[in-house]
Amino acid sequence: MGNSEVEEPTGILCNLGALLEKRNMTLVELSEKIGISVVNLSVLKNNRARAIRFSTLVAICGALDCHVGELLETENES
């Protein structure tokens, strides 16, 4: 994708930053705990992800002791 192209919003918001803050955990700590790169987690945290694997959801939710609905929500829920 070129720099001049604008990405369409997905309509999904990720609450990873808020969940990390509540648990006093850094992105680096989460990355080390679940084996997913900081770069990939940062894309998710900053709502730039276009897709996410179920295995990634399970790993993040397990590490943060949360449900998928706490991590992800549709824009109209916020």
PDB file of N, CA and C in Angstrom:
ATOM      1  N   MET A   1       0.845  -1.176   0.000  1.00  0.00           N
ATOM      2  CA  MET A   1       0.000   0.000   0.000  1.00  0.00           C
ATOM      3  C   MET A   1       0.887   1.234   0.000  1.00  0.00           C
ATOM      4  N   GLY A   2       0.621   2.152  -0.903  1.00  0.00           N
ATOM      5  CA  GLY A   2       1.400   3.376  -0.975  1.00  0.00           C
ATOM      6  C   GLY A   2       1.010   4.347   0.117  1.00  0.00           C
ATOM      7  N   ASN A   3       1.862   5.311   0.344  1.00  0.00           N
ATOM      8  CA  ASN A   3       1.601   6.300   1.390  1.00  0.00           C
ATOM      9  C   ASN A   3       0.395   7.166   1.091  1.00  0.00           C
ATOM     10  N   SER A   4       0.035   7.319  -0.208  1.00  0.00           N
ATOM     11  CA  SER A   4      -1.085   8.175  -0.548  1.00  0.00           C
ATOM     12  C   SER A   4      -2.440   7.496  -0.335  1.00  0.00           C
ATOM     13  N   GLU A   5      -2.439   6.180  -0.172  1.00  0.00           N
ATOM     14  CA  GLU A   5      -3.690   5.466   0.036  1.00  0.00           C
ATOM     15  C   GLU A   5      -4.102   5.539   1.498  1.00  0.00           C
ATOM     16  N   VAL A   6      -5.380   5.731   1.726  1.00  0.00           N
ATOM     17  CA  VAL A   6      -5.917   5.813   3.085  1.00  0.00           C
ATOM     18  C   VAL A   6      -6.578   4.485   3.417  1.00  0.00           C
ATOM     19  N   GLU A   7      -6.208   3.915   4.568  1.00  0.00           N
ATOM     20  CA  GLU A   7      -6.822   2.658   4.993  1.00  0.00           C
ATOM     21  C   GLU A   7      -8.238   2.914   5.481  1.00  0.00           C
ATOM     22  N   GLU A   8      -9.133   2.039   5.080  1.00  0.00           N
ATOM     23  CA  GLU A   8     -10.509   2.119   5.567  1.00  0.00           C
ATOM     24  C   GLU A   8     -10.532   1.636   7.013  1.00  0.00           C
ATOM     25  N   PRO A   9     -11.277   2.286   7.880  1.00  0.00           N
ATOM     26  CA  PRO A   9     -11.373   1.813   9.268  1.00  0.00           C
ATOM     27  C   PRO A   9     -12.042   0.439   9.313  1.00  0.00           C
ATOM     28  N   THR A  10     -11.609  -0.383  10.253  1.00  0.00           N
ATOM     29  CA  THR A  10     -12.162  -1.738  10.375  1.00  0.00           C
ATOM     30  C   THR A  10     -13.453  -1.754  11.155  1.00  0.00           C
ATOM     31  N   GLY A  11     -13.681  -0.732  11.975  1.00  0.00           N
ATOM     32  CA  GLY A  11     -14.856  -0.722  12.840  1.00  0.00           C
ATOM     33  C   GLY A  11     -14.616  -1.468  14.140  1.00  0.00           C
ATOM     34  N   ILE A  12     -13.395  -1.970  14.325  1.00  0.00           N
ATOM     35  CA  ILE A  12     -13.018  -2.702  15.545  1.00  0.00           C
ATOM     36  C   ILE A  12     -11.978  -1.887  16.297  1.00  0.00           C
ATOM     37  N   LEU A  13     -12.170  -1.712  17.574  1.00  0.00           N
ATOM     38  CA  LEU A  13     -11.209  -1.018  18.429  1.00  0.00           C
ATOM     39  C   LEU A  13     -10.537  -2.028  19.354  1.00  0.00           C
ATOM     40  N   CYS A  14      -9.245  -1.846  19.555  1.00  0.00           N
ATOM     41  CA  CYS A  14      -8.492  -2.729  20.447  1.00  0.00           C
ATOM     42  C   CYS A  14      -8.161  -1.979  21.730  1.00  0.00           C
ATOM     43  N   ASN A  15      -8.464  -2.591  22.845  1.00  0.00           N
ATOM     44  CA  ASN A  15      -8.224  -1.989  24.164  1.00  0.00           C
ATOM     45  C   ASN A  15      -6.945  -2.509  24.811  1.00  0.00           C
ATOM     46  N   LEU A  16      -5.980  -2.942  24.004  1.00  0.00           N
ATOM     47  CA  LEU A  16      -4.759  -3.533  24.550  1.00  0.00           C
ATOM     48  C   LEU A  16      -4.019  -2.561  25.461  1.00  0.00           C
ATOM     49  N   GLY A  17      -3.906  -1.315  25.068  1.00  0.00           N
ATOM     50  CA  GLY A  17      -3.195  -0.332  25.895  1.00  0.00           C
ATOM     51  C   GLY A  17      -3.808  -0.181  27.271  1.00  0.00           C
ATOM     52  N   ALA A  18      -5.127  -0.072  27.319  1.00  0.00           N
ATOM     53  CA  ALA A  18      -5.822   0.092  28.602  1.00  0.00           C
ATOM     54  C   ALA A  18      -5.674  -1.158  29.466  1.00  0.00           C
ATOM     55  N   LEU A  19      -5.748  -2.340  28.841  1.00  0.00           N
ATOM     56  CA  LEU A  19      -5.615  -3.585  29.600  1.00  0.00           C
ATOM     57  C   LEU A  19      -4.196  -3.737  30.154  1.00  0.00           C
ATOM     58  N   LEU A  20      -3.205  -3.369  29.359  1.00  0.00           N
ATOM     59  CA  LEU A  20      -1.817  -3.421  29.838  1.00  0.00           C
ATOM     60  C   LEU A  20      -1.631  -2.478  31.020  1.00  0.00           C
ATOM     61  N   GLU A  21      -2.176  -1.279  30.902  1.00  0.00           N
ATOM     62  CA  GLU A  21      -2.056  -0.290  31.970  1.00  0.00           C
ATOM     63  C   GLU A  21      -2.699  -0.792  33.261  1.00  0.00           C
ATOM     64  N   LYS A  22      -3.889  -1.365  33.159  1.00  0.00           N
ATOM     65  CA  LYS A  22      -4.591  -1.891  34.335  1.00  0.00           C
ATOM     66  C   LYS A  22      -3.790  -2.985  35.032  1.00  0.00           C
ATOM     67  N   ARG A  23      -3.024  -3.739  34.237  1.00  0.00           N
ATOM     68  CA  ARG A  23      -2.261  -4.859  34.792  1.00  0.00           C
ATOM     69  C   ARG A  23      -0.799  -4.502  35.047  1.00  0.00           C
ATOM     70  N   ASN A  24      -0.476  -3.225  34.915  1.00  0.00           N
ATOM     71  CA  ASN A  24       0.899  -2.755  35.122  1.00  0.00           C
ATOM     72  C   ASN A  24       1.899  -3.598  34.331  1.00  0.00           C
ATOM     73  N   MET A  25       1.587  -3.825  33.065  1.00  0.00           N
ATOM     74  CA  MET A  25       2.431  -4.635  32.205  1.00  0.00           C
ATOM     75  C   MET A  25       2.804  -3.802  30.980  1.00  0.00           C
ATOM     76  N   THR A  26       4.023  -3.977  30.505  1.00  0.00           N
ATOM     77  CA  THR A  26       4.456  -3.271  29.305  1.00  0.00           C
ATOM     78  C   THR A  26       4.236  -4.155  28.082  1.00  0.00           C
ATOM     79  N   LEU A  27       4.290  -3.537  26.921  1.00  0.00           N
ATOM     80  CA  LEU A  27       4.178  -4.275  25.665  1.00  0.00           C
ATOM     81  C   LEU A  27       5.324  -5.275  25.542  1.00  0.00           C
ATOM     82  N   VAL A  28       6.504  -4.884  25.999  1.00  0.00           N
ATOM     83  CA  VAL A  28       7.674  -5.772  25.950  1.00  0.00           C
ATOM     84  C   VAL A  28       7.446  -6.995  26.846  1.00  0.00           C
ATOM     85  N   GLU A  29       6.920  -6.777  28.034  1.00  0.00           N
ATOM     86  CA  GLU A  29       6.640  -7.894  28.941  1.00  0.00           C
ATOM     87  C   GLU A  29       5.614  -8.847  28.336  1.00  0.00           C
ATOM     88  N   LEU A  30       4.559  -8.294  27.742  1.00  0.00           N
ATOM     89  CA  LEU A  30       3.552  -9.130  27.104  1.00  0.00           C
ATOM     90  C   LEU A  30       4.167  -9.910  25.958  1.00  0.00           C
ATOM     91  N   SER A  31       4.977  -9.244  25.162  1.00  0.00           N
ATOM     92  CA  SER A  31       5.644  -9.887  24.031  1.00  0.00           C
ATOM     93  C   SER A  31       6.479 -11.087  24.491  1.00  0.00           C
ATOM     94  N   GLU A  32       7.252 -10.893  25.539  1.00  0.00           N
ATOM     95  CA  GLU A  32       8.088 -11.971  26.069  1.00  0.00           C
ATOM     96  C   GLU A  32       7.242 -13.109  26.624  1.00  0.00           C
ATOM     97  N   LYS A  33       6.130 -12.774  27.225  1.00  0.00           N
ATOM     98  CA  LYS A  33       5.262 -13.770  27.854  1.00  0.00           C
ATOM     99  C   LYS A  33       4.560 -14.652  26.824  1.00  0.00           C
ATOM    100  N   ILE A  34       4.149 -14.061  25.691  1.00  0.00           N
ATOM    101  CA  ILE A  34       3.356 -14.823  24.726  1.00  0.00           C
ATOM    102  C   ILE A  34       4.094 -15.158  23.437  1.00  0.00           C
ATOM    103  N   GLY A  35       5.303 -14.629  23.248  1.00  0.00           N
ATOM    104  CA  GLY A  35       6.086 -14.963  22.066  1.00  0.00           C
ATOM    105  C   GLY A  35       5.608 -14.306  20.785  1.00  0.00           C
ATOM    106  N   ILE A  36       5.025 -13.125  20.890  1.00  0.00           N
ATOM    107  CA  ILE A  36       4.603 -12.351  19.719  1.00  0.00           C
ATOM    108  C   ILE A  36       5.408 -11.061  19.730  1.00  0.00           C
ATOM    109  N   SER A  37       5.899 -10.653  18.569  1.00  0.00           N
ATOM    110  CA  SER A  37       6.799  -9.504  18.504  1.00  0.00           C
ATOM    111  C   SER A  37       6.148  -8.222  19.022  1.00  0.00           C
ATOM    112  N   VAL A  38       6.993  -7.361  19.572  1.00  0.00           N
ATOM    113  CA  VAL A  38       6.539  -6.061  20.060  1.00  0.00           C
ATOM    114  C   VAL A  38       5.938  -5.263  18.904  1.00  0.00           C
ATOM    115  N   VAL A  39       6.541  -5.367  17.725  1.00  0.00           N
ATOM    116  CA  VAL A  39       6.037  -4.643  16.556  1.00  0.00           C
ATOM    117  C   VAL A  39       4.600  -5.064  16.242  1.00  0.00           C
ATOM    118  N   ASN A  40       4.340  -6.369  16.213  1.00  0.00           N
ATOM    119  CA  ASN A  40       2.986  -6.846  15.919  1.00  0.00           C
ATOM    120  C   ASN A  40       2.001  -6.445  17.005  1.00  0.00           C
ATOM    121  N   LEU A  41       2.418  -6.515  18.250  1.00  0.00           N
ATOM    122  CA  LEU A  41       1.533  -6.100  19.338  1.00  0.00           C
ATOM    123  C   LEU A  41       1.268  -4.594  19.287  1.00  0.00           C
ATOM    124  N   SER A  42       2.272  -3.829  18.896  1.00  0.00           N
ATOM    125  CA  SER A  42       2.116  -2.380  18.775  1.00  0.00           C
ATOM    126  C   SER A  42       1.105  -2.024  17.689  1.00  0.00           C
ATOM    127  N   VAL A  43       1.135  -2.742  16.574  1.00  0.00           N
ATOM    128  CA  VAL A  43       0.166  -2.528  15.498  1.00  0.00           C
ATOM    129  C   VAL A  43      -1.247  -2.764  16.032  1.00  0.00           C
ATOM    130  N   LEU A  44      -1.400  -3.812  16.808  1.00  0.00           N
ATOM    131  CA  LEU A  44      -2.701  -4.127  17.395  1.00  0.00           C
ATOM    132  C   LEU A  44      -3.111  -3.041  18.401  1.00  0.00           C
ATOM    133  N   LYS A  45      -2.198  -2.684  19.282  1.00  0.00           N
ATOM    134  CA  LYS A  45      -2.468  -1.688  20.326  1.00  0.00           C
ATOM    135  C   LYS A  45      -2.876  -0.344  19.739  1.00  0.00           C
ATOM    136  N   ASN A  46      -2.278   0.021  18.606  1.00  0.00           N
ATOM    137  CA  ASN A  46      -2.538   1.326  17.994  1.00  0.00           C
ATOM    138  C   ASN A  46      -3.657   1.285  16.953  1.00  0.00           C
ATOM    139  N   ASN A  47      -4.434   0.213  16.986  1.00  0.00           N
ATOM    140  CA  ASN A  47      -5.598   0.064  16.103  1.00  0.00           C
ATOM    141  C   ASN A  47      -5.247   0.154  14.621  1.00  0.00           C
ATOM    142  N   ARG A  48      -4.092  -0.387  14.261  1.00  0.00           N
ATOM    143  CA  ARG A  48      -3.697  -0.414  12.859  1.00  0.00           C
ATOM    144  C   ARG A  48      -3.766  -1.817  12.275  1.00  0.00           C
ATOM    145  N   ALA A  49      -4.165  -2.792  13.074  1.00  0.00           N
ATOM    146  CA  ALA A  49      -4.252  -4.176  12.597  1.00  0.00           C
ATOM    147  C   ALA A  49      -5.447  -4.340  11.680  1.00  0.00           C
ATOM    148  N   ARG A  50      -5.278  -5.135  10.643  1.00  0.00           N
ATOM    149  CA  ARG A  50      -6.363  -5.424   9.707  1.00  0.00           C
ATOM    150  C   ARG A  50      -6.987  -6.788  10.014  1.00  0.00           C
ATOM    151  N   ALA A  51      -6.263  -7.624  10.752  1.00  0.00           N
ATOM    152  CA  ALA A  51      -6.728  -8.972  11.087  1.00  0.00           C
ATOM    153  C   ALA A  51      -5.950  -9.451  12.299  1.00  0.00           C
ATOM    154  N   ILE A  52      -6.476 -10.489  12.944  1.00  0.00           N
ATOM    155  CA  ILE A  52      -5.776 -11.089  14.085  1.00  0.00           C
ATOM    156  C   ILE A  52      -6.100 -12.576  14.116  1.00  0.00           C
ATOM    157  N   ARG A  53      -5.103 -13.373  14.392  1.00  0.00           N
ATOM    158  CA  ARG A  53      -5.296 -14.825  14.485  1.00  0.00           C
ATOM    159  C   ARG A  53      -5.982 -15.165  15.799  1.00  0.00           C
ATOM    160  N   PHE A  54      -6.817 -16.193  15.751  1.00  0.00           N
ATOM    161  CA  PHE A  54      -7.463 -16.655  16.984  1.00  0.00           C
ATOM    162  C   PHE A  54      -6.417 -17.053  18.018  1.00  0.00           C
ATOM    163  N   SER A  55      -5.327 -17.670  17.587  1.00  0.00           N
ATOM    164  CA  SER A  55      -4.286 -18.094  18.526  1.00  0.00           C
ATOM    165  C   SER A  55      -3.659 -16.884  19.226  1.00  0.00           C
ATOM    166  N   THR A  56      -3.557 -15.769  18.516  1.00  0.00           N
ATOM    167  CA  THR A  56      -3.035 -14.538  19.115  1.00  0.00           C
ATOM    168  C   THR A  56      -4.018 -13.999  20.147  1.00  0.00           C
ATOM    169  N   LEU A  57      -5.305 -14.010  19.814  1.00  0.00           N
ATOM    170  CA  LEU A  57      -6.325 -13.579  20.767  1.00  0.00           C
ATOM    171  C   LEU A  57      -6.280 -14.414  22.041  1.00  0.00           C
ATOM    172  N   VAL A  58      -6.196 -15.714  21.864  1.00  0.00           N
ATOM    173  CA  VAL A  58      -6.154 -16.624  23.015  1.00  0.00           C
ATOM    174  C   VAL A  58      -4.921 -16.340  23.873  1.00  0.00           C
ATOM    175  N   ALA A  59      -3.773 -16.135  23.230  1.00  0.00           N
ATOM    176  CA  ALA A  59      -2.529 -15.877  23.971  1.00  0.00           C
ATOM    177  C   ALA A  59      -2.608 -14.564  24.746  1.00  0.00           C
ATOM    178  N   ILE A  60      -3.086 -13.515  24.096  1.00  0.00           N
ATOM    179  CA  ILE A  60      -3.188 -12.210  24.759  1.00  0.00           C
ATOM    180  C   ILE A  60      -4.184 -12.275  25.909  1.00  0.00           C
ATOM    181  N   CYS A  61      -5.347 -12.843  25.652  1.00  0.00           N
ATOM    182  CA  CYS A  61      -6.363 -12.932  26.706  1.00  0.00           C
ATOM    183  C   CYS A  61      -5.894 -13.789  27.870  1.00  0.00           C
ATOM    184  N   GLY A  62      -5.163 -14.847  27.586  1.00  0.00           N
ATOM    185  CA  GLY A  62      -4.621 -15.685  28.654  1.00  0.00           C
ATOM    186  C   GLY A  62      -3.609 -14.933  29.503  1.00  0.00           C
ATOM    187  N   ALA A  63      -2.721 -14.195  28.844  1.00  0.00           N
ATOM    188  CA  ALA A  63      -1.682 -13.453  29.560  1.00  0.00           C
ATOM    189  C   ALA A  63      -2.258 -12.294  30.361  1.00  0.00           C
ATOM    190  N   LEU A  64      -3.327 -11.696  29.855  1.00  0.00           N
ATOM    191  CA  LEU A  64      -3.925 -10.535  30.535  1.00  0.00           C
ATOM    192  C   LEU A  64      -5.129 -10.906  31.384  1.00  0.00           C
ATOM    193  N   ASP A  65      -5.461 -12.187  31.422  1.00  0.00           N
ATOM    194  CA  ASP A  65      -6.603 -12.674  32.193  1.00  0.00           C
ATOM    195  C   ASP A  65      -7.862 -11.860  31.866  1.00  0.00           C
ATOM    196  N   CYS A  66      -8.185 -11.832  30.566  1.00  0.00           N
ATOM    197  CA  CYS A  66      -9.360 -11.096  30.115  1.00  0.00           C
ATOM    198  C   CYS A  66     -10.112 -11.910  29.078  1.00  0.00           C
ATOM    199  N   HIS A  67     -11.266 -11.428  28.690  1.00  0.00           N
ATOM    200  CA  HIS A  67     -12.072 -12.039  27.639  1.00  0.00           C
ATOM    201  C   HIS A  67     -11.857 -11.271  26.342  1.00  0.00           C
ATOM    202  N   VAL A  68     -12.138 -11.917  25.224  1.00  0.00           N
ATOM    203  CA  VAL A  68     -11.985 -11.282  23.918  1.00  0.00           C
ATOM    204  C   VAL A  68     -12.780  -9.982  23.851  1.00  0.00           C
ATOM    205  N   GLY A  69     -13.974  -9.956  24.433  1.00  0.00           N
ATOM    206  CA  GLY A  69     -14.809  -8.760  24.429  1.00  0.00           C
ATOM    207  C   GLY A  69     -14.234  -7.600  25.221  1.00  0.00           C
ATOM    208  N   GLU A  70     -13.313  -7.887  26.125  1.00  0.00           N
ATOM    209  CA  GLU A  70     -12.625  -6.816  26.845  1.00  0.00           C
ATOM    210  C   GLU A  70     -11.482  -6.250  26.010  1.00  0.00           C
ATOM    211  N   LEU A  71     -10.914  -7.101  25.164  1.00  0.00           N
ATOM    212  CA  LEU A  71      -9.785  -6.705  24.326  1.00  0.00           C
ATOM    213  C   LEU A  71     -10.262  -5.984  23.068  1.00  0.00           C
ATOM    214  N   LEU A  72     -11.294  -6.518  22.435  1.00  0.00           N
ATOM    215  CA  LEU A  72     -11.810  -5.967  21.188  1.00  0.00           C
ATOM    216  C   LEU A  72     -13.264  -5.547  21.339  1.00  0.00           C
ATOM    217  N   GLU A  73     -13.614  -4.456  20.679  1.00  0.00           N
ATOM    218  CA  GLU A  73     -15.011  -4.022  20.665  1.00  0.00           C
ATOM    219  C   GLU A  73     -15.285  -3.341  19.333  1.00  0.00           C
ATOM    220  N   THR A  74     -16.538  -3.270  18.963  1.00  0.00           N
ATOM    221  CA  THR A  74     -16.893  -2.543  17.754  1.00  0.00           C
ATOM    222  C   THR A  74     -16.970  -1.064  18.105  1.00  0.00           C
ATOM    223  N   GLU A  75     -16.708  -0.229  17.121  1.00  0.00           N
ATOM    224  CA  GLU A  75     -16.678   1.216  17.362  1.00  0.00           C
ATOM    225  C   GLU A  75     -17.964   1.748  17.976  1.00  0.00           C
ATOM    226  N   ASN A  76     -19.096   1.201  17.613  1.00  0.00           N
ATOM    227  CA  ASN A  76     -20.366   1.701  18.142  1.00  0.00           C
ATOM    228  C   ASN A  76     -20.614   1.287  19.582  1.00  0.00           C
ATOM    229  N   GLU A  77     -19.753   0.428  20.151  1.00  0.00           N
ATOM    230  CA  GLU A  77     -19.894   0.031  21.569  1.00  0.00           C
ATOM    231  C   GLU A  77     -19.254   1.042  22.492  1.00  0.00           C
ATOM    232  N   SER A  78     -18.259   1.781  21.992  1.00  0.00           N
ATOM    233  CA  SER A  78     -17.485   2.672  22.881  1.00  0.00           C
ATOM    234  C   SER A  78     -18.233   3.921  23.268  1.00  0.00           C
TER     235      SER A  78
END
